[in-house]
PDB file of all heavy atoms in Angstrom:
ATOM      1  N   LEU A   1     176.864  76.645 142.070  1.00  0.00           N
ATOM      2  CA  LEU A   1     177.891  76.150 142.984  1.00  0.00           C
ATOM      3  C   LEU A   1     178.893  77.270 143.201  1.00  0.00           C
ATOM      4  O   LEU A   1     179.461  77.798 142.245  1.00  0.00           O
ATOM      5  CB  LEU A   1     178.593  74.933 142.374  1.00  0.00           C
ATOM      6  CG  LEU A   1     179.370  74.028 143.324  1.00  0.00           C
ATOM      7  CD1 LEU A   1     178.408  73.207 144.181  1.00  0.00           C
ATOM      8  CD2 LEU A   1     180.264  73.086 142.529  1.00  0.00           C
ATOM      9  N   HIS A   2     179.100  77.647 144.452  1.00  0.00           N
ATOM     10  CA  HIS A   2     180.048  78.731 144.717  1.00  0.00           C
ATOM     11  C   HIS A   2     180.582  78.592 146.137  1.00  0.00           C
ATOM     12  O   HIS A   2     179.840  78.240 147.063  1.00  0.00           O
ATOM     13  CB  HIS A   2     179.365  80.097 144.562  1.00  0.00           C
ATOM     14  CG  HIS A   2     180.322  81.213 144.305  1.00  0.00           C
ATOM     15  ND1 HIS A   2     180.513  81.769 143.052  1.00  0.00           N
ATOM     16  CD2 HIS A   2     181.164  81.870 145.123  1.00  0.00           C
ATOM     17  CE1 HIS A   2     181.428  82.723 143.123  1.00  0.00           C
ATOM     18  NE2 HIS A   2     181.828  82.807 144.384  1.00  0.00           N
ATOM     19  N   PHE A   3     181.866  78.863 146.288  1.00  0.00           N
ATOM     20  CA  PHE A   3     182.483  78.846 147.612  1.00  0.00           C
ATOM     21  C   PHE A   3     183.068  80.225 147.893  1.00  0.00           C
ATOM     22  O   PHE A   3     183.810  80.779 147.075  1.00  0.00           O
ATOM     23  CB  PHE A   3     183.587  77.796 147.699  1.00  0.00           C
ATOM     24  CG  PHE A   3     184.215  77.713 149.071  1.00  0.00           C
ATOM     25  CD1 PHE A   3     183.528  77.153 150.125  1.00  0.00           C
ATOM     26  CD2 PHE A   3     185.495  78.218 149.303  1.00  0.00           C
ATOM     27  CE1 PHE A   3     184.085  77.083 151.393  1.00  0.00           C
ATOM     28  CE2 PHE A   3     186.062  78.152 150.561  1.00  0.00           C
ATOM     29  CZ  PHE A   3     185.353  77.581 151.612  1.00  0.00           C
ATOM     30  N   PHE A   4     182.716  80.781 149.041  1.00  0.00           N
ATOM     31  CA  PHE A   4     183.206  82.090 149.467  1.00  0.00           C
ATOM     32  C   PHE A   4     184.199  81.877 150.606  1.00  0.00           C
ATOM     33  O   PHE A   4     183.803  81.610 151.743  1.00  0.00           O
ATOM     34  CB  PHE A   4     182.046  82.969 149.929  1.00  0.00           C
ATOM     35  CG  PHE A   4     181.083  83.334 148.829  1.00  0.00           C
ATOM     36  CD1 PHE A   4     180.058  82.461 148.462  1.00  0.00           C
ATOM     37  CD2 PHE A   4     181.205  84.533 148.155  1.00  0.00           C
ATOM     38  CE1 PHE A   4     179.168  82.789 147.454  1.00  0.00           C
ATOM     39  CE2 PHE A   4     180.322  84.872 147.142  1.00  0.00           C
ATOM     40  CZ  PHE A   4     179.304  83.998 146.782  1.00  0.00           C
ATOM     41  N   PRO A   5     185.502  81.973 150.325  1.00  0.00           N
ATOM     42  CA  PRO A   5     186.539  81.653 151.334  1.00  0.00           C
ATOM     43  C   PRO A   5     186.831  82.820 152.270  1.00  0.00           C
ATOM     44  O   PRO A   5     187.907  83.397 152.253  1.00  0.00           O
ATOM     45  CB  PRO A   5     187.754  81.310 150.463  1.00  0.00           C
ATOM     46  CG  PRO A   5     187.583  82.174 149.259  1.00  0.00           C
ATOM     47  CD  PRO A   5     186.106  82.289 149.014  1.00  0.00           C
ATOM     48  N   GLN A   6     185.875  83.160 153.097  1.00  0.00           N
ATOM     49  CA  GLN A   6     186.051  84.239 154.058  1.00  0.00           C
ATOM     50  C   GLN A   6     185.379  83.846 155.365  1.00  0.00           C
ATOM     51  O   GLN A   6     184.587  82.900 155.412  1.00  0.00           O
ATOM     52  CB  GLN A   6     185.422  85.537 153.531  1.00  0.00           C
ATOM     53  CG  GLN A   6     185.986  86.026 152.203  1.00  0.00           C
ATOM     54  CD  GLN A   6     185.252  87.250 151.700  1.00  0.00           C
ATOM     55  OE1 GLN A   6     184.844  88.094 152.477  1.00  0.00           O
ATOM     56  NE2 GLN A   6     185.064  87.331 150.390  1.00  0.00           N
ATOM     57  N   ALA A   7     185.668  84.600 156.415  1.00  0.00           N
ATOM     58  CA  ALA A   7     185.016  84.363 157.695  1.00  0.00           C
ATOM     59  C   ALA A   7     183.532  84.673 157.572  1.00  0.00           C
ATOM     60  O   ALA A   7     183.141  85.685 156.988  1.00  0.00           O
ATOM     61  CB  ALA A   7     185.654  85.233 158.780  1.00  0.00           C
ATOM     62  N   ALA A   8     182.700  83.766 158.096  1.00  0.00           N
ATOM     63  CA  ALA A   8     181.255  83.955 158.016  1.00  0.00           C
ATOM     64  C   ALA A   8     180.829  85.162 158.832  1.00  0.00           C
ATOM     65  O   ALA A   8     181.321  85.420 159.926  1.00  0.00           O
ATOM     66  CB  ALA A   8     180.538  82.700 158.513  1.00  0.00           C
ATOM     67  N   GLY A   9     179.890  85.926 158.306  1.00  0.00           N
ATOM     68  CA  GLY A   9     179.358  87.089 158.988  1.00  0.00           C
ATOM     69  C   GLY A   9     178.301  87.737 158.126  1.00  0.00           C
ATOM     70  O   GLY A   9     178.084  87.359 156.973  1.00  0.00           O
ATOM     71  N   ALA A  10     177.618  88.743 158.703  1.00  0.00           N
ATOM     72  CA  ALA A  10     176.530  89.384 157.976  1.00  0.00           C
ATOM     73  C   ALA A  10     177.015  90.053 156.696  1.00  0.00           C
ATOM     74  O   ALA A  10     176.316  90.048 155.678  1.00  0.00           O
ATOM     75  CB  ALA A  10     175.837  90.408 158.883  1.00  0.00           C
ATOM     76  N   ASN A  11     178.229  90.631 156.712  1.00  0.00           N
ATOM     77  CA  ASN A  11     178.733  91.298 155.513  1.00  0.00           C
ATOM     78  C   ASN A  11     178.937  90.310 154.375  1.00  0.00           C
ATOM     79  O   ASN A  11     178.598  90.587 153.215  1.00  0.00           O
ATOM     80  CB  ASN A  11     180.045  92.035 155.815  1.00  0.00           C
ATOM     81  CG  ASN A  11     179.841  93.231 156.710  1.00  0.00           C
ATOM     82  OD1 ASN A  11     178.728  93.769 156.805  1.00  0.00           O
ATOM     83  ND2 ASN A  11     180.889  93.660 157.393  1.00  0.00           N
ATOM     84  N   LEU A  12     179.511  89.129 154.700  1.00  0.00           N
ATOM     85  CA  LEU A  12     179.704  88.116 153.674  1.00  0.00           C
ATOM     86  C   LEU A  12     178.361  87.580 153.194  1.00  0.00           C
ATOM     87  O   LEU A  12     178.157  87.377 151.993  1.00  0.00           O
ATOM     88  CB  LEU A  12     180.566  86.978 154.206  1.00  0.00           C
ATOM     89  CG  LEU A  12     180.793  85.799 153.244  1.00  0.00           C
ATOM     90  CD1 LEU A  12     181.380  86.276 151.923  1.00  0.00           C
ATOM     91  CD2 LEU A  12     181.696  84.756 153.886  1.00  0.00           C
ATOM     92  N   LEU A  13     177.440  87.360 154.112  1.00  0.00           N
ATOM     93  CA  LEU A  13     176.129  86.879 153.709  1.00  0.00           C
ATOM     94  C   LEU A  13     175.414  87.893 152.814  1.00  0.00           C
ATOM     95  O   LEU A  13     174.731  87.519 151.856  1.00  0.00           O
ATOM     96  CB  LEU A  13     175.273  86.582 154.945  1.00  0.00           C
ATOM     97  CG  LEU A  13     175.468  85.234 155.618  1.00  0.00           C
ATOM     98  CD1 LEU A  13     174.555  85.112 156.829  1.00  0.00           C
ATOM     99  CD2 LEU A  13     175.205  84.098 154.655  1.00  0.00           C
ATOM    100  N   GLU A  14     175.577  89.152 153.125  1.00  0.00           N
ATOM    101  CA  GLU A  14     174.957  90.181 152.288  1.00  0.00           C
ATOM    102  C   GLU A  14     175.545  90.140 150.881  1.00  0.00           C
ATOM    103  O   GLU A  14     174.835  90.265 149.882  1.00  0.00           O
ATOM    104  CB  GLU A  14     175.150  91.561 152.918  1.00  0.00           C
ATOM    105  CG  GLU A  14     174.329  92.642 152.251  1.00  0.00           C
ATOM    106  CD  GLU A  14     174.340  93.948 153.031  1.00  0.00           C
ATOM    107  OE1 GLU A  14     174.991  94.007 154.095  1.00  0.00           O
ATOM    108  OE2 GLU A  14     173.703  94.905 152.577  1.00  0.00           O
ATOM    109  N   LYS A  15     176.855  89.931 150.786  1.00  0.00           N
ATOM    110  CA  LYS A  15     177.516  89.792 149.484  1.00  0.00           C
ATOM    111  C   LYS A  15     176.974  88.571 148.741  1.00  0.00           C
ATOM    112  O   LYS A  15     176.697  88.648 147.526  1.00  0.00           O
ATOM    113  CB  LYS A  15     179.025  89.652 149.691  1.00  0.00           C
ATOM    114  CG  LYS A  15     179.814  89.400 148.412  1.00  0.00           C
ATOM    115  CD  LYS A  15     181.298  89.188 148.722  1.00  0.00           C
ATOM    116  CE  LYS A  15     182.075  88.844 147.446  1.00  0.00           C
ATOM    117  NZ  LYS A  15     183.502  88.587 147.727  1.00  0.00           N
ATOM    118  N   ILE A  16     176.822  87.456 149.445  1.00  0.00           N
ATOM    119  CA  ILE A  16     176.266  86.251 148.831  1.00  0.00           C
ATOM    120  C   ILE A  16     174.855  86.514 148.314  1.00  0.00           C
ATOM    121  O   ILE A  16     174.486  86.112 147.202  1.00  0.00           O
ATOM    122  CB  ILE A  16     176.269  85.093 149.843  1.00  0.00           C
ATOM    123  CG1 ILE A  16     177.702  84.640 150.122  1.00  0.00           C
ATOM    124  CG2 ILE A  16     175.417  83.916 149.359  1.00  0.00           C
ATOM    125  CD1 ILE A  16     177.824  83.643 151.252  1.00  0.00           C
ATOM    126  N   GLY A  17     174.074  87.187 149.137  1.00  0.00           N
ATOM    127  CA  GLY A  17     172.702  87.490 148.737  1.00  0.00           C
ATOM    128  C   GLY A  17     172.641  88.286 147.447  1.00  0.00           C
ATOM    129  O   GLY A  17     171.815  88.008 146.565  1.00  0.00           O
ATOM    130  N   ARG A  18     173.536  89.263 147.318  1.00  0.00           N
ATOM    131  CA  ARG A  18     173.555  90.090 146.105  1.00  0.00           C
ATOM    132  C   ARG A  18     174.055  89.298 144.907  1.00  0.00           C
ATOM    133  O   ARG A  18     173.430  89.305 143.842  1.00  0.00           O
ATOM    134  CB  ARG A  18     174.456  91.321 146.313  1.00  0.00           C
ATOM    135  CG  ARG A  18     173.902  92.363 147.262  1.00  0.00           C
ATOM    136  CD  ARG A  18     174.702  93.658 147.117  1.00  0.00           C
ATOM    137  NE  ARG A  18     176.147  93.450 147.191  1.00  0.00           N
ATOM    138  CZ  ARG A  18     176.849  93.505 148.314  1.00  0.00           C
ATOM    139  NH1 ARG A  18     176.239  93.753 149.465  1.00  0.00           N
ATOM    140  NH2 ARG A  18     178.159  93.324 148.307  1.00  0.00           N
ATOM    141  N   GLU A  19     175.208  88.616 145.065  1.00  0.00           N
ATOM    142  CA  GLU A  19     175.842  87.965 143.927  1.00  0.00           C
ATOM    143  C   GLU A  19     175.053  86.758 143.416  1.00  0.00           C
ATOM    144  O   GLU A  19     175.024  86.507 142.206  1.00  0.00           O
ATOM    145  CB  GLU A  19     177.265  87.531 144.292  1.00  0.00           C
ATOM    146  CG  GLU A  19     178.216  88.696 144.510  1.00  0.00           C
ATOM    147  CD  GLU A  19     179.658  88.246 144.655  1.00  0.00           C
ATOM    148  OE1 GLU A  19     179.954  87.052 144.427  1.00  0.00           O
ATOM    149  OE2 GLU A  19     180.498  89.103 144.996  1.00  0.00           O
ATOM    150  N   LEU A  20     174.412  86.042 144.319  1.00  0.00           N
ATOM    151  CA  LEU A  20     173.694  84.830 143.914  1.00  0.00           C
ATOM    152  C   LEU A  20     172.189  85.049 143.790  1.00  0.00           C
ATOM    153  O   LEU A  20     171.458  84.106 143.468  1.00  0.00           O
ATOM    154  CB  LEU A  20     173.952  83.697 144.922  1.00  0.00           C
ATOM    155  CG  LEU A  20     175.414  83.308 145.156  1.00  0.00           C
ATOM    156  CD1 LEU A  20     175.492  82.092 146.071  1.00  0.00           C
ATOM    157  CD2 LEU A  20     176.139  83.036 143.850  1.00  0.00           C
ATOM    158  N   HIS A  21     171.735  86.295 144.020  1.00  0.00           N
ATOM    159  CA  HIS A  21     170.302  86.596 143.981  1.00  0.00           C
ATOM    160  C   HIS A  21     169.550  85.618 144.880  1.00  0.00           C
ATOM    161  O   HIS A  21     168.585  84.959 144.481  1.00  0.00           O
ATOM    162  CB  HIS A  21     169.769  86.523 142.542  1.00  0.00           C
ATOM    163  CG  HIS A  21     170.516  87.400 141.582  1.00  0.00           C
ATOM    164  ND1 HIS A  21     170.354  88.781 141.545  1.00  0.00           N
ATOM    165  CD2 HIS A  21     171.448  87.096 140.646  1.00  0.00           C
ATOM    166  CE1 HIS A  21     171.141  89.293 140.615  1.00  0.00           C
ATOM    167  NE2 HIS A  21     171.821  88.295 140.053  1.00  0.00           N
ATOM    168  N   ALA A  22     170.019  85.544 146.112  1.00  0.00           N
ATOM    169  CA  ALA A  22     169.548  84.521 147.042  1.00  0.00           C
ATOM    170  C   ALA A  22     168.042  84.547 147.250  1.00  0.00           C
ATOM    171  O   ALA A  22     167.415  83.486 147.402  1.00  0.00           O
ATOM    172  CB  ALA A  22     170.262  84.673 148.382  1.00  0.00           C
ATOM    173  N   ASN A  23     167.444  85.705 147.244  1.00  0.00           N
ATOM    174  CA  ASN A  23     166.022  85.774 147.528  1.00  0.00           C
ATOM    175  C   ASN A  23     165.150  85.380 146.350  1.00  0.00           C
ATOM    176  O   ASN A  23     163.922  85.420 146.425  1.00  0.00           O
ATOM    177  CB  ASN A  23     165.660  87.164 148.044  1.00  0.00           C
ATOM    178  CG  ASN A  23     166.118  87.365 149.479  1.00  0.00           C
ATOM    179  OD1 ASN A  23     166.151  86.423 150.271  1.00  0.00           O
ATOM    180  ND2 ASN A  23     166.499  88.583 149.828  1.00  0.00           N
ATOM    181  N   ASP A  24     165.776  84.958 145.233  1.00  0.00           N
ATOM    182  CA  ASP A  24     165.025  84.324 144.150  1.00  0.00           C
ATOM    183  C   ASP A  24     164.778  82.850 144.454  1.00  0.00           C
ATOM    184  O   ASP A  24     164.035  82.179 143.730  1.00  0.00           O
ATOM    185  CB  ASP A  24     165.777  84.437 142.821  1.00  0.00           C
ATOM    186  CG  ASP A  24     165.834  85.862 142.294  1.00  0.00           C
ATOM    187  OD1 ASP A  24     165.031  86.705 142.769  1.00  0.00           O
ATOM    188  OD2 ASP A  24     166.665  86.144 141.420  1.00  0.00           O
ATOM    189  N   TYR A  25     165.430  82.341 145.504  1.00  0.00           N
ATOM    190  CA  TYR A  25     165.334  80.937 145.879  1.00  0.00           C
ATOM    191  C   TYR A  25     164.656  80.794 147.238  1.00  0.00           C
ATOM    192  O   TYR A  25     164.520  81.763 147.985  1.00  0.00           O
ATOM    193  CB  TYR A  25     166.725  80.307 146.018  1.00  0.00           C
ATOM    194  CG  TYR A  25     167.572  80.302 144.781  1.00  0.00           C
ATOM    195  CD1 TYR A  25     168.332  81.414 144.429  1.00  0.00           C
ATOM    196  CD2 TYR A  25     167.648  79.166 143.978  1.00  0.00           C
ATOM    197  CE1 TYR A  25     169.145  81.400 143.296  1.00  0.00           C
ATOM    198  CE2 TYR A  25     168.451  79.134 142.846  1.00  0.00           C
ATOM    199  CZ  TYR A  25     169.201  80.261 142.514  1.00  0.00           C
ATOM    200  OH  TYR A  25     169.999  80.240 141.405  1.00  0.00           O
ATOM    201  N   GLN A  26     164.284  79.582 147.565  1.00  0.00           N
ATOM    202  CA  GLN A  26     164.016  79.231 148.947  1.00  0.00           C
ATOM    203  C   GLN A  26     165.372  78.915 149.566  1.00  0.00           C
ATOM    204  O   GLN A  26     166.100  78.055 149.064  1.00  0.00           O
ATOM    205  CB  GLN A  26     163.115  77.999 149.028  1.00  0.00           C
ATOM    206  CG  GLN A  26     161.739  78.222 148.447  1.00  0.00           C
ATOM    207  CD  GLN A  26     160.907  76.963 148.534  1.00  0.00           C
ATOM    208  OE1 GLN A  26     160.133  76.777 149.477  1.00  0.00           O
ATOM    209  NE2 GLN A  26     161.069  76.080 147.570  1.00  0.00           N
ATOM    210  N   CYS A  27     165.732  79.605 150.616  1.00  0.00           N
ATOM    211  CA  CYS A  27     167.071  79.474 151.190  1.00  0.00           C
ATOM    212  C   CYS A  27     167.053  78.617 152.449  1.00  0.00           C
ATOM    213  O   CYS A  27     166.136  78.707 153.271  1.00  0.00           O
ATOM    214  CB  CYS A  27     167.638  80.861 151.520  1.00  0.00           C
ATOM    215  SG  CYS A  27     167.998  81.848 150.052  1.00  0.00           S
ATOM    216  N   LEU A  28     168.087  77.803 152.577  1.00  0.00           N
ATOM    217  CA  LEU A  28     168.251  77.011 153.787  1.00  0.00           C
ATOM    218  C   LEU A  28     169.709  77.017 154.198  1.00  0.00           C
ATOM    219  O   LEU A  28     170.601  77.280 153.393  1.00  0.00           O
ATOM    220  CB  LEU A  28     167.749  75.580 153.586  1.00  0.00           C
ATOM    221  CG  LEU A  28     168.438  74.665 152.580  1.00  0.00           C
ATOM    222  CD1 LEU A  28     169.620  73.942 153.219  1.00  0.00           C
ATOM    223  CD2 LEU A  28     167.465  73.646 152.030  1.00  0.00           C
ATOM    224  N   THR A  29     169.927  76.729 155.440  1.00  0.00           N
ATOM    225  CA  THR A  29     171.279  76.585 155.958  1.00  0.00           C
ATOM    226  C   THR A  29     171.352  75.273 156.737  1.00  0.00           C
ATOM    227  O   THR A  29     170.329  74.660 157.042  1.00  0.00           O
ATOM    228  CB  THR A  29     171.677  77.782 156.833  1.00  0.00           C
ATOM    229  OG1 THR A  29     173.081  77.725 157.137  1.00  0.00           O
ATOM    230  CG2 THR A  29     170.892  77.822 158.133  1.00  0.00           C
ATOM    231  N   VAL A  30     172.563  74.822 157.034  1.00  0.00           N
ATOM    232  CA  VAL A  30     172.782  73.532 157.688  1.00  0.00           C
ATOM    233  C   VAL A  30     173.589  73.748 158.960  1.00  0.00           C
ATOM    234  O   VAL A  30     174.607  74.438 158.939  1.00  0.00           O
ATOM    235  CB  VAL A  30     173.538  72.559 156.754  1.00  0.00           C
ATOM    236  CG1 VAL A  30     173.691  71.201 157.420  1.00  0.00           C
ATOM    237  CG2 VAL A  30     172.822  72.419 155.415  1.00  0.00           C
ATOM    238  N   LEU A  31     173.132  73.174 160.057  1.00  0.00           N
ATOM    239  CA  LEU A  31     173.868  73.278 161.309  1.00  0.00           C
ATOM    240  C   LEU A  31     175.130  72.424 161.260  1.00  0.00           C
ATOM    241  O   LEU A  31     175.178  71.409 160.569  1.00  0.00           O
ATOM    242  CB  LEU A  31     173.003  72.833 162.481  1.00  0.00           C
ATOM    243  CG  LEU A  31     171.802  73.705 162.836  1.00  0.00           C
ATOM    244  CD1 LEU A  31     171.050  73.094 164.015  1.00  0.00           C
ATOM    245  CD2 LEU A  31     172.219  75.135 163.145  1.00  0.00           C
ATOM    246  N   GLY A  32     176.143  72.829 162.016  1.00  0.00           N
ATOM    247  CA  GLY A  32     177.350  72.027 162.152  1.00  0.00           C
ATOM    248  C   GLY A  32     177.143  70.925 163.176  1.00  0.00           C
ATOM    249  O   GLY A  32     176.208  70.954 163.986  1.00  0.00           O
ATOM    250  N   GLY A  33     178.042  69.930 163.152  1.00  0.00           N
ATOM    251  CA  GLY A  33     177.899  68.768 164.006  1.00  0.00           C
ATOM    252  C   GLY A  33     177.841  69.071 165.493  1.00  0.00           C
ATOM    253  O   GLY A  33     177.204  68.340 166.251  1.00  0.00           O
ATOM    254  N   GLY A  34     178.487  70.130 165.939  1.00  0.00           N
ATOM    255  CA  GLY A  34     178.496  70.462 167.355  1.00  0.00           C
ATOM    256  C   GLY A  34     177.403  71.425 167.775  1.00  0.00           C
ATOM    257  O   GLY A  34     177.368  71.862 168.930  1.00  0.00           O
ATOM    258  N   GLU A  35     176.488  71.746 166.853  1.00  0.00           N
ATOM    259  CA  GLU A  35     175.473  72.760 167.148  1.00  0.00           C
ATOM    260  C   GLU A  35     174.109  72.170 167.476  1.00  0.00           C
ATOM    261  O   GLU A  35     173.160  72.915 167.723  1.00  0.00           O
ATOM    262  CB  GLU A  35     175.344  73.704 165.949  1.00  0.00           C
ATOM    263  CG  GLU A  35     176.591  74.536 165.697  1.00  0.00           C
ATOM    264  CD  GLU A  35     176.435  75.496 164.534  1.00  0.00           C
ATOM    265  OE1 GLU A  35     175.990  75.054 163.447  1.00  0.00           O
ATOM    266  OE2 GLU A  35     176.762  76.682 164.702  1.00  0.00           O
ATOM    267  N   TYR A  36     173.995  70.866 167.513  1.00  0.00           N
ATOM    268  CA  TYR A  36     172.714  70.223 167.799  1.00  0.00           C
ATOM    269  C   TYR A  36     172.987  68.806 168.294  1.00  0.00           C
ATOM    270  O   TYR A  36     174.105  68.297 168.203  1.00  0.00           O
ATOM    271  CB  TYR A  36     171.831  70.178 166.539  1.00  0.00           C
ATOM    272  CG  TYR A  36     172.392  69.248 165.474  1.00  0.00           C
ATOM    273  CD1 TYR A  36     171.935  67.960 165.319  1.00  0.00           C
ATOM    274  CD2 TYR A  36     173.435  69.679 164.647  1.00  0.00           C
ATOM    275  CE1 TYR A  36     172.474  67.100 164.378  1.00  0.00           C
ATOM    276  CE2 TYR A  36     173.987  68.836 163.697  1.00  0.00           C
ATOM    277  CZ  TYR A  36     173.503  67.548 163.570  1.00  0.00           C
ATOM    278  OH  TYR A  36     174.049  66.700 162.638  1.00  0.00           O
ATOM    279  N   GLN A  37     171.955  68.157 168.804  1.00  0.00           N
ATOM    280  CA  GLN A  37     172.041  66.762 169.222  1.00  0.00           C
ATOM    281  C   GLN A  37     170.859  66.002 168.648  1.00  0.00           C
ATOM    282  O   GLN A  37     169.762  66.561 168.492  1.00  0.00           O
ATOM    283  CB  GLN A  37     172.034  66.655 170.752  1.00  0.00           C
ATOM    284  CG  GLN A  37     173.254  67.264 171.431  1.00  0.00           C
ATOM    285  CD  GLN A  37     173.117  67.266 172.949  1.00  0.00           C
ATOM    286  OE1 GLN A  37     172.723  68.253 173.539  1.00  0.00           O
ATOM    287  NE2 GLN A  37     173.454  66.142 173.582  1.00  0.00           N
ATOM    288  N   VAL A  38     171.081  64.725 168.309  1.00  0.00           N
ATOM    289  CA  VAL A  38     170.025  63.867 167.785  1.00  0.00           C
ATOM    290  C   VAL A  38     169.856  62.677 168.718  1.00  0.00           C
ATOM    291  O   VAL A  38     170.840  62.032 169.096  1.00  0.00           O
ATOM    292  CB  VAL A  38     170.347  63.367 166.357  1.00  0.00           C
ATOM    293  CG1 VAL A  38     169.254  62.420 165.862  1.00  0.00           C
ATOM    294  CG2 VAL A  38     170.484  64.542 165.397  1.00  0.00           C
ATOM    295  N   PHE A  39     168.602  62.388 169.086  1.00  0.00           N
ATOM    296  CA  PHE A  39     168.294  61.257 169.952  1.00  0.00           C
ATOM    297  C   PHE A  39     167.247  60.376 169.266  1.00  0.00           C
ATOM    298  O   PHE A  39     166.257  60.890 168.741  1.00  0.00           O
ATOM    299  CB  PHE A  39     167.727  61.734 171.297  1.00  0.00           C
ATOM    300  CG  PHE A  39     168.627  62.669 172.043  1.00  0.00           C
ATOM    301  CD1 PHE A  39     168.514  64.046 171.870  1.00  0.00           C
ATOM    302  CD2 PHE A  39     169.586  62.190 172.927  1.00  0.00           C
ATOM    303  CE1 PHE A  39     169.338  64.921 172.558  1.00  0.00           C
ATOM    304  CE2 PHE A  39     170.409  63.064 173.616  1.00  0.00           C
ATOM    305  CZ  PHE A  39     170.292  64.425 173.431  1.00  0.00           C
ATOM    306  N   ALA A  40     167.466  59.075 169.267  1.00  0.00           N
ATOM    307  CA  ALA A  40     166.452  58.128 168.807  1.00  0.00           C
ATOM    308  C   ALA A  40     165.643  57.691 170.014  1.00  0.00           C
ATOM    309  O   ALA A  40     166.189  57.124 170.969  1.00  0.00           O
ATOM    310  CB  ALA A  40     167.106  56.930 168.129  1.00  0.00           C
ATOM    311  N   VAL A  41     164.348  57.970 170.006  1.00  0.00           N
ATOM    312  CA  VAL A  41     163.491  57.665 171.150  1.00  0.00           C
ATOM    313  C   VAL A  41     162.198  57.035 170.654  1.00  0.00           C
ATOM    314  O   VAL A  41     161.829  57.156 169.478  1.00  0.00           O
ATOM    315  CB  VAL A  41     163.168  58.939 171.969  1.00  0.00           C
ATOM    316  CG1 VAL A  41     164.437  59.564 172.524  1.00  0.00           C
ATOM    317  CG2 VAL A  41     162.402  59.959 171.130  1.00  0.00           C
ATOM    318  N   ASP A  42     161.493  56.340 171.554  1.00  0.00           N
ATOM    319  CA  ASP A  42     160.168  55.832 171.231  1.00  0.00           C
ATOM    320  C   ASP A  42     159.198  57.003 171.126  1.00  0.00           C
ATOM    321  O   ASP A  42     159.258  57.951 171.919  1.00  0.00           O
ATOM    322  CB  ASP A  42     159.682  54.862 172.310  1.00  0.00           C
ATOM    323  CG  ASP A  42     160.436  53.544 172.284  1.00  0.00           C
ATOM    324  OD1 ASP A  42     160.964  53.187 171.213  1.00  0.00           O
ATOM    325  OD2 ASP A  42     160.506  52.884 173.343  1.00  0.00           O
ATOM    326  N   ALA A  43     158.312  56.913 170.160  1.00  0.00           N
ATOM    327  CA  ALA A  43     157.317  57.976 170.004  1.00  0.00           C
ATOM    328  C   ALA A  43     156.311  57.911 171.152  1.00  0.00           C
ATOM    329  O   ALA A  43     155.736  56.845 171.413  1.00  0.00           O
ATOM    330  CB  ALA A  43     156.612  57.832 168.667  1.00  0.00           C
ATOM    331  N   PRO A  44     156.080  59.012 171.849  1.00  0.00           N
ATOM    332  CA  PRO A  44     155.099  59.003 172.936  1.00  0.00           C
ATOM    333  C   PRO A  44     153.695  58.700 172.397  1.00  0.00           C
ATOM    334  O   PRO A  44     153.347  59.119 171.296  1.00  0.00           O
ATOM    335  CB  PRO A  44     155.170  60.432 173.496  1.00  0.00           C
ATOM    336  CG  PRO A  44     156.478  60.979 173.003  1.00  0.00           C
ATOM    337  CD  PRO A  44     156.740  60.316 171.694  1.00  0.00           C
TER     338      PRO A  44
END
């Protein structure tokens, strides 16, 4: 569990990758609420 209180960017992500050994894990990220849309529809 770790929180990095800085503006998101490649430099911060690179720091996260080094400090948390990110590539030892399967990595995922989560979209924000305004970055996608969800629709419930009938399956074709």
